[in-house]
Amino acid sequence: MPSEMKNIYATIFNHVQMVGYREIVEAHGRARGLAGFIFNDVDGSVKVMASGPEPVLTEFINDLKIIRPDTVIETKEIMEDIRLPSPFGRITMDEMREISERLDKGNMILGEINLKLAKLDIIGDKLDTLGGKFDTLGDKFDALGGKFDVVCDKLDTLPERLAEAMKR
């Protein structure tokens, strides 16, 4: 017996815009053979309308919870018989504005990465300088080690030399 078809409306909160989330949801909706769509809302949430067999919709929502466990997903069943577009897709309101916002965000992230890389370069330079100082210190220890060996040799022969000096 085929499963009953169901329509749902879901609101997803908690940092879901400008992170590629709609693309992920769209891929899962298409993979499950659902009809419907996803879009960003002005309140910062993502809205989903989906249609399909009830168990498939449940698996779809569970997938979304697993993908981003930090999100909050509120789901409501749509009781009206609505025919949603197939295959599952995403709706963009102002594509050029959205592309511009994504480019701005990408540039901001790249700027932050560049600052961190510059700090790493400074740290690397300081480590190189410190490494040179360690090399110099190591050379001094090596030179001192040779002198230390001479002193140890002299101390090792001290009893014989004292005994000989006392004989004289």
N, C-alpha and C. Protein backbone atom coordinates (compact mmCIF):
# COMPACT_ATOMS: atom_id res chain seq x y z
N MET A 1 0.85 -1.17 0.00
CA MET A 1 0.00 0.00 0.00
C MET A 1 0.89 1.24 0.00
N PRO A 2 0.72 2.15 -0.97
CA PRO A 2 1.56 3.35 -1.03
C PRO A 2 1.30 4.27 0.16
N SER A 3 2.36 4.98 0.56
CA SER A 3 2.25 5.91 1.68
C SER A 3 1.41 7.11 1.28
N GLU A 4 0.77 7.69 2.29
CA GLU A 4 -0.05 8.88 2.05
C GLU A 4 0.84 10.07 1.72
N MET A 5 0.46 10.83 0.70
CA MET A 5 1.19 12.04 0.33
C MET A 5 0.89 13.13 1.35
N LYS A 6 1.88 13.93 1.62
CA LYS A 6 1.75 14.95 2.64
C LYS A 6 2.48 16.21 2.16
N ASN A 7 1.98 17.36 2.53
CA ASN A 7 2.62 18.64 2.27
C ASN A 7 3.05 19.25 3.59
N ILE A 8 4.27 19.77 3.63
CA ILE A 8 4.74 20.43 4.86
C ILE A 8 5.30 21.81 4.55
N TYR A 9 5.28 22.63 5.58
CA TYR A 9 5.88 23.95 5.56
C TYR A 9 6.83 23.99 6.76
N ALA A 10 8.09 24.26 6.52
CA ALA A 10 9.07 24.26 7.62
C ALA A 10 9.81 25.59 7.65
N THR A 11 10.09 26.05 8.86
CA THR A 11 10.92 27.22 9.07
C THR A 11 12.17 26.75 9.80
N ILE A 12 13.32 27.14 9.26
CA ILE A 12 14.60 26.69 9.83
C ILE A 12 15.37 27.93 10.27
N PHE A 13 15.77 27.93 11.55
CA PHE A 13 16.48 29.06 12.15
C PHE A 13 17.89 28.68 12.55
N ASN A 14 18.67 29.69 12.85
CA ASN A 14 19.99 29.59 13.47
C ASN A 14 21.11 29.51 12.44
N HIS A 15 21.47 30.64 11.94
CA HIS A 15 22.60 30.80 11.02
C HIS A 15 22.50 29.88 9.82
N VAL A 16 21.44 30.08 9.03
CA VAL A 16 21.22 29.24 7.87
C VAL A 16 21.30 30.02 6.55
N GLN A 17 21.49 31.33 6.63
CA GLN A 17 21.61 32.11 5.41
C GLN A 17 23.06 32.48 5.17
N MET A 18 23.42 32.54 3.89
CA MET A 18 24.77 32.91 3.45
C MET A 18 25.82 31.87 3.85
N VAL A 19 25.41 30.62 4.01
CA VAL A 19 26.35 29.54 4.35
C VAL A 19 26.20 28.34 3.41
N GLY A 20 25.45 28.52 2.32
CA GLY A 20 25.26 27.42 1.38
C GLY A 20 24.21 26.41 1.82
N TYR A 21 23.40 26.79 2.77
CA TYR A 21 22.42 25.84 3.33
C TYR A 21 21.32 25.47 2.34
N ARG A 22 20.84 26.45 1.57
CA ARG A 22 19.76 26.14 0.61
C ARG A 22 20.21 25.10 -0.41
N GLU A 23 21.47 25.18 -0.83
CA GLU A 23 21.98 24.22 -1.80
C GLU A 23 21.97 22.81 -1.22
N ILE A 24 22.32 22.70 0.06
CA ILE A 24 22.32 21.40 0.73
C ILE A 24 20.90 20.85 0.83
N VAL A 25 19.97 21.71 1.26
CA VAL A 25 18.57 21.28 1.40
C VAL A 25 18.01 20.88 0.03
N GLU A 26 18.32 21.69 -0.98
CA GLU A 26 17.84 21.38 -2.33
C GLU A 26 18.35 20.01 -2.79
N ALA A 27 19.63 19.74 -2.56
CA ALA A 27 20.20 18.45 -2.97
C ALA A 27 19.50 17.29 -2.27
N HIS A 28 19.21 17.45 -0.97
CA HIS A 28 18.53 16.38 -0.23
C HIS A 28 17.08 16.21 -0.69
N GLY A 29 16.41 17.33 -0.97
CA GLY A 29 15.04 17.25 -1.47
C GLY A 29 14.97 16.53 -2.82
N ARG A 30 15.91 16.87 -3.70
CA ARG A 30 15.94 16.22 -5.02
C ARG A 30 16.30 14.73 -4.88
N ALA A 31 17.28 14.44 -4.02
CA ALA A 31 17.71 13.05 -3.84
C ALA A 31 16.57 12.18 -3.32
N ARG A 32 15.68 12.76 -2.54
CA ARG A 32 14.55 12.01 -1.98
C ARG A 32 13.34 12.03 -2.91
N GLY A 33 13.46 12.73 -4.06
CA GLY A 33 12.36 12.76 -5.03
C GLY A 33 11.19 13.62 -4.60
N LEU A 34 11.43 14.60 -3.75
CA LEU A 34 10.35 15.46 -3.27
C LEU A 34 10.02 16.55 -4.27
N ALA A 35 8.82 17.07 -4.17
CA ALA A 35 8.41 18.28 -4.88
C ALA A 35 8.48 19.41 -3.86
N GLY A 36 8.68 20.62 -4.34
CA GLY A 36 8.69 21.76 -3.43
C GLY A 36 9.83 22.70 -3.68
N PHE A 37 10.07 23.57 -2.69
CA PHE A 37 11.11 24.59 -2.85
C PHE A 37 11.59 25.10 -1.50
N ILE A 38 12.70 25.81 -1.57
CA ILE A 38 13.30 26.43 -0.38
C ILE A 38 13.64 27.86 -0.74
N PHE A 39 13.54 28.76 0.26
CA PHE A 39 13.92 30.16 0.02
C PHE A 39 14.33 30.82 1.33
N ASN A 40 15.13 31.88 1.19
CA ASN A 40 15.51 32.70 2.35
C ASN A 40 14.38 33.66 2.67
N ASP A 41 14.12 33.85 3.95
CA ASP A 41 13.12 34.83 4.38
C ASP A 41 13.86 36.04 4.96
N VAL A 42 13.19 37.18 4.99
CA VAL A 42 13.82 38.41 5.47
C VAL A 42 14.15 38.36 6.96
N ASP A 43 13.53 37.45 7.71
CA ASP A 43 13.81 37.35 9.15
C ASP A 43 15.09 36.56 9.45
N GLY A 44 15.82 36.13 8.41
CA GLY A 44 17.07 35.38 8.61
C GLY A 44 16.87 33.87 8.61
N SER A 45 15.63 33.45 8.50
CA SER A 45 15.35 32.01 8.48
C SER A 45 15.30 31.53 7.04
N VAL A 46 15.19 30.21 6.90
CA VAL A 46 14.98 29.58 5.61
C VAL A 46 13.63 28.88 5.69
N LYS A 47 12.84 29.02 4.64
CA LYS A 47 11.52 28.39 4.58
C LYS A 47 11.56 27.26 3.56
N VAL A 48 10.86 26.18 3.88
CA VAL A 48 10.78 25.02 3.00
C VAL A 48 9.31 24.63 2.84
N MET A 49 8.89 24.42 1.61
CA MET A 49 7.61 23.79 1.33
C MET A 49 7.94 22.53 0.56
N ALA A 50 7.45 21.40 1.05
CA ALA A 50 7.79 20.13 0.41
C ALA A 50 6.58 19.21 0.38
N SER A 51 6.57 18.36 -0.63
CA SER A 51 5.48 17.41 -0.80
C SER A 51 6.06 16.06 -1.17
N GLY A 52 5.52 15.01 -0.53
CA GLY A 52 5.98 13.66 -0.82
C GLY A 52 5.36 12.68 0.15
N PRO A 53 5.72 11.41 0.04
CA PRO A 53 5.21 10.42 0.99
C PRO A 53 5.65 10.78 2.41
N GLU A 54 4.79 10.56 3.36
CA GLU A 54 5.04 10.95 4.75
C GLU A 54 6.37 10.43 5.30
N PRO A 55 6.72 9.14 5.08
CA PRO A 55 8.00 8.66 5.63
C PRO A 55 9.21 9.35 4.98
N VAL A 56 9.09 9.68 3.70
CA VAL A 56 10.18 10.35 3.00
C VAL A 56 10.37 11.77 3.54
N LEU A 57 9.27 12.45 3.79
CA LEU A 57 9.35 13.80 4.37
C LEU A 57 9.99 13.76 5.76
N THR A 58 9.63 12.75 6.54
CA THR A 58 10.21 12.59 7.88
C THR A 58 11.72 12.36 7.78
N GLU A 59 12.13 11.50 6.86
CA GLU A 59 13.57 11.25 6.66
C GLU A 59 14.28 12.52 6.19
N PHE A 60 13.64 13.27 5.32
CA PHE A 60 14.19 14.53 4.80
C PHE A 60 14.46 15.51 5.95
N ILE A 61 13.49 15.71 6.82
CA ILE A 61 13.65 16.62 7.96
C ILE A 61 14.72 16.09 8.91
N ASN A 62 14.74 14.77 9.14
CA ASN A 62 15.79 14.18 9.99
C ASN A 62 17.18 14.40 9.40
N ASP A 63 17.30 14.27 8.06
CA ASP A 63 18.58 14.55 7.38
C ASP A 63 19.03 15.98 7.68
N LEU A 64 18.10 16.91 7.57
CA LEU A 64 18.44 18.32 7.79
C LEU A 64 18.89 18.56 9.23
N LYS A 65 18.29 17.85 10.17
CA LYS A 65 18.71 17.99 11.58
C LYS A 65 20.10 17.41 11.80
N ILE A 66 20.42 16.34 11.08
CA ILE A 66 21.74 15.71 11.22
C ILE A 66 22.82 16.60 10.58
N ILE A 67 22.50 17.16 9.42
CA ILE A 67 23.46 17.99 8.69
C ILE A 67 23.88 19.19 9.52
N ARG A 68 22.93 19.86 10.14
CA ARG A 68 23.20 21.05 10.94
C ARG A 68 22.46 20.92 12.28
N PRO A 69 23.05 20.19 13.23
CA PRO A 69 22.36 19.95 14.50
C PRO A 69 22.08 21.23 15.30
N ASP A 70 22.78 22.32 14.97
CA ASP A 70 22.57 23.57 15.70
C ASP A 70 21.33 24.33 15.22
N THR A 71 20.66 23.86 14.18
CA THR A 71 19.49 24.56 13.66
C THR A 71 18.23 24.17 14.43
N VAL A 72 17.25 25.05 14.34
CA VAL A 72 15.92 24.78 14.90
C VAL A 72 14.98 24.66 13.71
N ILE A 73 14.26 23.54 13.63
CA ILE A 73 13.35 23.30 12.51
C ILE A 73 11.93 23.16 13.05
N GLU A 74 11.08 24.10 12.65
CA GLU A 74 9.66 24.04 13.02
C GLU A 74 8.88 23.60 11.79
N THR A 75 8.15 22.50 11.90
CA THR A 75 7.44 21.93 10.76
C THR A 75 5.93 21.94 11.02
N LYS A 76 5.19 22.32 9.99
CA LYS A 76 3.72 22.29 10.06
C LYS A 76 3.20 21.55 8.83
N GLU A 77 2.16 20.78 9.03
CA GLU A 77 1.54 20.11 7.89
C GLU A 77 0.59 21.08 7.21
N ILE A 78 0.63 21.08 5.89
CA ILE A 78 -0.29 21.90 5.10
C ILE A 78 -1.48 21.01 4.75
N MET A 79 -2.64 21.37 5.22
CA MET A 79 -3.81 20.53 5.04
C MET A 79 -4.43 20.68 3.65
N GLU A 80 -4.26 21.85 3.02
CA GLU A 80 -4.81 22.05 1.67
C GLU A 80 -4.05 21.18 0.67
N ASP A 81 -4.76 20.82 -0.38
CA ASP A 81 -4.12 20.04 -1.44
C ASP A 81 -3.43 21.01 -2.38
N ILE A 82 -2.12 21.17 -2.19
CA ILE A 82 -1.33 22.12 -2.98
C ILE A 82 -0.41 21.32 -3.88
N ARG A 83 -0.35 21.71 -5.14
CA ARG A 83 0.57 21.05 -6.06
C ARG A 83 1.85 21.90 -6.10
N LEU A 84 2.93 21.34 -5.57
CA LEU A 84 4.21 22.03 -5.52
C LEU A 84 5.05 21.66 -6.73
N PRO A 85 5.96 22.56 -7.14
CA PRO A 85 6.78 22.28 -8.32
C PRO A 85 7.74 21.12 -8.09
N SER A 86 7.98 20.39 -9.16
CA SER A 86 8.89 19.26 -9.10
C SER A 86 9.86 19.39 -10.27
N PRO A 87 11.12 19.11 -10.09
CA PRO A 87 11.78 18.62 -8.89
C PRO A 87 11.97 19.73 -7.85
N PHE A 88 12.33 19.30 -6.65
CA PHE A 88 12.58 20.22 -5.54
C PHE A 88 13.64 21.24 -5.97
N GLY A 89 13.42 22.50 -5.66
CA GLY A 89 14.37 23.54 -6.06
C GLY A 89 14.43 24.68 -5.06
N ARG A 90 15.17 25.71 -5.44
CA ARG A 90 15.26 26.87 -4.56
C ARG A 90 14.79 28.10 -5.30
N ILE A 91 14.29 29.02 -4.53
CA ILE A 91 13.80 30.28 -5.08
C ILE A 91 14.75 31.38 -4.62
N THR A 92 15.14 32.23 -5.57
CA THR A 92 15.95 33.39 -5.20
C THR A 92 15.12 34.63 -5.50
N MET A 93 15.16 35.58 -4.58
CA MET A 93 14.34 36.78 -4.74
C MET A 93 15.02 37.80 -5.65
N ASP A 94 16.25 38.12 -5.35
CA ASP A 94 17.01 39.09 -6.14
C ASP A 94 18.38 38.49 -6.35
N GLU A 95 18.53 37.77 -7.44
CA GLU A 95 19.73 36.98 -7.66
C GLU A 95 21.00 37.82 -7.68
N MET A 96 20.97 38.98 -8.32
CA MET A 96 22.16 39.83 -8.39
C MET A 96 22.54 40.35 -7.00
N ARG A 97 21.56 40.74 -6.22
CA ARG A 97 21.84 41.21 -4.86
C ARG A 97 22.43 40.09 -4.03
N GLU A 98 21.87 38.89 -4.19
CA GLU A 98 22.36 37.74 -3.43
C GLU A 98 23.79 37.39 -3.84
N ILE A 99 24.07 37.41 -5.13
CA ILE A 99 25.43 37.14 -5.59
C ILE A 99 26.38 38.18 -5.03
N SER A 100 25.97 39.44 -5.06
CA SER A 100 26.80 40.53 -4.53
C SER A 100 27.07 40.34 -3.04
N GLU A 101 26.05 39.97 -2.28
CA GLU A 101 26.22 39.74 -0.84
C GLU A 101 27.17 38.57 -0.59
N ARG A 102 27.05 37.52 -1.38
CA ARG A 102 27.93 36.37 -1.22
C ARG A 102 29.37 36.74 -1.56
N LEU A 103 29.57 37.53 -2.62
CA LEU A 103 30.91 37.98 -2.97
C LEU A 103 31.50 38.86 -1.86
N ASP A 104 30.66 39.75 -1.32
CA ASP A 104 31.13 40.60 -0.21
C ASP A 104 31.54 39.75 0.98
N LYS A 105 30.73 38.76 1.31
CA LYS A 105 31.05 37.89 2.44
C LYS A 105 32.32 37.10 2.15
N GLY A 106 32.46 36.59 0.91
CA GLY A 106 33.67 35.86 0.55
C GLY A 106 34.91 36.74 0.64
N ASN A 107 34.78 37.98 0.18
CA ASN A 107 35.91 38.92 0.28
C ASN A 107 36.27 39.20 1.73
N MET A 108 35.26 39.33 2.59
CA MET A 108 35.51 39.56 4.01
C MET A 108 36.26 38.37 4.61
N ILE A 109 35.84 37.17 4.28
CA ILE A 109 36.49 35.96 4.79
C ILE A 109 37.93 35.89 4.29
N LEU A 110 38.13 36.18 3.01
CA LEU A 110 39.49 36.18 2.45
C LEU A 110 40.37 37.22 3.14
N GLY A 111 39.80 38.40 3.44
CA GLY A 111 40.54 39.44 4.17
C GLY A 111 40.97 38.94 5.54
N GLU A 112 40.05 38.26 6.25
CA GLU A 112 40.39 37.71 7.56
C GLU A 112 41.49 36.66 7.45
N ILE A 113 41.41 35.84 6.42
CA ILE A 113 42.44 34.81 6.21
C ILE A 113 43.79 35.47 5.94
N ASN A 114 43.79 36.52 5.11
CA ASN A 114 45.04 37.23 4.81
C ASN A 114 45.66 37.82 6.07
N LEU A 115 44.83 38.39 6.96
CA LEU A 115 45.36 38.93 8.22
C LEU A 115 45.98 37.83 9.06
N LYS A 116 45.33 36.68 9.12
CA LYS A 116 45.87 35.56 9.90
C LYS A 116 47.15 35.04 9.29
N LEU A 117 47.22 34.99 7.95
CA LEU A 117 48.44 34.55 7.29
C LEU A 117 49.59 35.53 7.55
N ALA A 118 49.28 36.84 7.53
CA ALA A 118 50.31 37.84 7.82
C ALA A 118 50.85 37.66 9.23
N LYS A 119 49.95 37.39 10.19
CA LYS A 119 50.39 37.15 11.57
C LYS A 119 51.26 35.90 11.64
N LEU A 120 50.89 34.87 10.88
CA LEU A 120 51.70 33.65 10.86
C LEU A 120 53.08 33.93 10.27
N ASP A 121 53.15 34.78 9.25
CA ASP A 121 54.45 35.15 8.67
C ASP A 121 55.32 35.84 9.71
N ILE A 122 54.73 36.76 10.50
CA ILE A 122 55.47 37.47 11.54
C ILE A 122 55.98 36.47 12.59
N ILE A 123 55.11 35.56 12.99
CA ILE A 123 55.51 34.55 13.97
C ILE A 123 56.62 33.68 13.39
N GLY A 124 56.48 33.32 12.10
CA GLY A 124 57.51 32.51 11.45
C GLY A 124 58.86 33.22 11.43
N ASP A 125 58.83 34.54 11.13
CA ASP A 125 60.08 35.32 11.14
C ASP A 125 60.70 35.34 12.53
N LYS A 126 59.86 35.51 13.55
CA LYS A 126 60.37 35.53 14.93
C LYS A 126 60.96 34.16 15.30
N LEU A 127 60.31 33.10 14.85
CA LEU A 127 60.83 31.76 15.13
C LEU A 127 62.16 31.53 14.41
N ASP A 128 62.27 32.05 13.18
CA ASP A 128 63.53 31.92 12.45
C ASP A 128 64.65 32.65 13.19
N THR A 129 64.35 33.87 13.68
CA THR A 129 65.34 34.64 14.44
C THR A 129 65.71 33.89 15.71
N LEU A 130 64.71 33.38 16.39
CA LEU A 130 64.95 32.63 17.61
C LEU A 130 65.77 31.37 17.32
N GLY A 131 65.47 30.72 16.19
CA GLY A 131 66.22 29.54 15.79
C GLY A 131 67.68 29.87 15.57
N GLY A 132 67.95 31.03 14.95
CA GLY A 132 69.34 31.47 14.76
C GLY A 132 70.04 31.68 16.09
N LYS A 133 69.32 32.25 17.04
CA LYS A 133 69.90 32.46 18.38
C LYS A 133 70.18 31.12 19.06
N PHE A 134 69.29 30.16 18.86
CA PHE A 134 69.53 28.84 19.42
C PHE A 134 70.75 28.18 18.78
N ASP A 135 70.90 28.40 17.47
CA ASP A 135 72.09 27.86 16.79
C ASP A 135 73.37 28.47 17.37
N THR A 136 73.36 29.79 17.59
CA THR A 136 74.53 30.47 18.17
C THR A 136 74.80 29.94 19.57
N LEU A 137 73.74 29.80 20.34
CA LEU A 137 73.87 29.28 21.70
C LEU A 137 74.42 27.84 21.67
N GLY A 138 73.93 27.05 20.71
CA GLY A 138 74.41 25.67 20.56
C GLY A 138 75.89 25.66 20.21
N ASP A 139 76.32 26.58 19.33
CA ASP A 139 77.75 26.66 18.98
C ASP A 139 78.58 26.99 20.22
N LYS A 140 78.07 27.92 21.04
CA LYS A 140 78.80 28.30 22.26
C LYS A 140 78.87 27.11 23.22
N PHE A 141 77.79 26.35 23.33
CA PHE A 141 77.82 25.16 24.19
C PHE A 141 78.80 24.13 23.65
N ASP A 142 78.83 24.00 22.32
CA ASP A 142 79.78 23.06 21.71
C ASP A 142 81.22 23.48 22.04
N ALA A 143 81.50 24.79 21.90
CA ALA A 143 82.84 25.29 22.22
C ALA A 143 83.15 25.09 23.70
N LEU A 144 82.16 25.39 24.53
CA LEU A 144 82.32 25.21 25.97
C LEU A 144 82.49 23.73 26.30
N GLY A 145 81.78 22.89 25.55
CA GLY A 145 81.89 21.45 25.77
C GLY A 145 83.31 20.96 25.55
N GLY A 146 83.99 21.49 24.53
CA GLY A 146 85.39 21.13 24.29
C GLY A 146 86.27 21.54 25.45
N LYS A 147 86.02 22.75 25.98
CA LYS A 147 86.79 23.24 27.13
C LYS A 147 86.46 22.41 28.36
N PHE A 148 85.23 22.03 28.48
CA PHE A 148 84.80 21.22 29.61
C PHE A 148 85.50 19.86 29.58
N ASP A 149 85.64 19.31 28.36
CA ASP A 149 86.35 18.03 28.22
C ASP A 149 87.80 18.16 28.68
N VAL A 150 88.45 19.28 28.32
CA VAL A 150 89.85 19.51 28.73
C VAL A 150 89.93 19.59 30.25
N VAL A 151 88.98 20.33 30.86
CA VAL A 151 88.97 20.47 32.32
C VAL A 151 88.74 19.10 32.96
N CYS A 152 87.83 18.31 32.41
CA CYS A 152 87.56 16.97 32.95
C CYS A 152 88.80 16.08 32.84
N ASP A 153 89.50 16.17 31.71
CA ASP A 153 90.73 15.38 31.54
C ASP A 153 91.76 15.78 32.59
N LYS A 154 91.87 17.10 32.84
CA LYS A 154 92.83 17.58 33.83
C LYS A 154 92.43 17.10 35.22
N LEU A 155 91.11 17.12 35.50
CA LEU A 155 90.65 16.64 36.81
C LEU A 155 90.88 15.14 36.96
N ASP A 156 90.69 14.41 35.87
CA ASP A 156 90.92 12.97 35.92
C ASP A 156 92.38 12.63 36.25
N THR A 157 93.29 13.44 35.76
CA THR A 157 94.72 13.17 36.00
C THR A 157 95.25 13.90 37.24
N LEU A 158 94.41 14.62 37.92
CA LEU A 158 94.84 15.41 39.10
C LEU A 158 95.45 14.54 40.19
N PRO A 159 94.84 13.41 40.55
CA PRO A 159 95.45 12.63 41.64
C PRO A 159 96.87 12.18 41.30
N GLU A 160 97.10 11.75 40.06
CA GLU A 160 98.45 11.33 39.70
C GLU A 160 99.43 12.50 39.74
N ARG A 161 98.98 13.64 39.25
CA ARG A 161 99.86 14.81 39.22
C ARG A 161 100.19 15.28 40.65
N LEU A 162 99.17 15.19 41.55
CA LEU A 162 99.40 15.58 42.97
C LEU A 162 100.39 14.60 43.62
N ALA A 163 100.18 13.33 43.33
CA ALA A 163 101.08 12.31 43.90
C ALA A 163 102.51 12.53 43.42
N GLU A 164 102.65 12.88 42.18
CA GLU A 164 103.99 13.11 41.62
C GLU A 164 104.61 14.37 42.18
N ALA A 165 103.77 15.39 42.37
CA ALA A 165 104.30 16.64 42.92
C ALA A 165 104.71 16.46 44.37
N MET A 166 104.06 15.58 45.10
CA MET A 166 104.40 15.35 46.50
C MET A 166 105.70 14.56 46.60
N LYS A 167 105.97 13.78 45.59
CA LYS A 167 107.21 13.01 45.62
C LYS A 167 108.39 13.94 45.44
N ARG A 168 108.22 15.02 44.80
CA ARG A 168 109.35 15.91 44.51
C ARG A 168 109.72 16.70 45.67
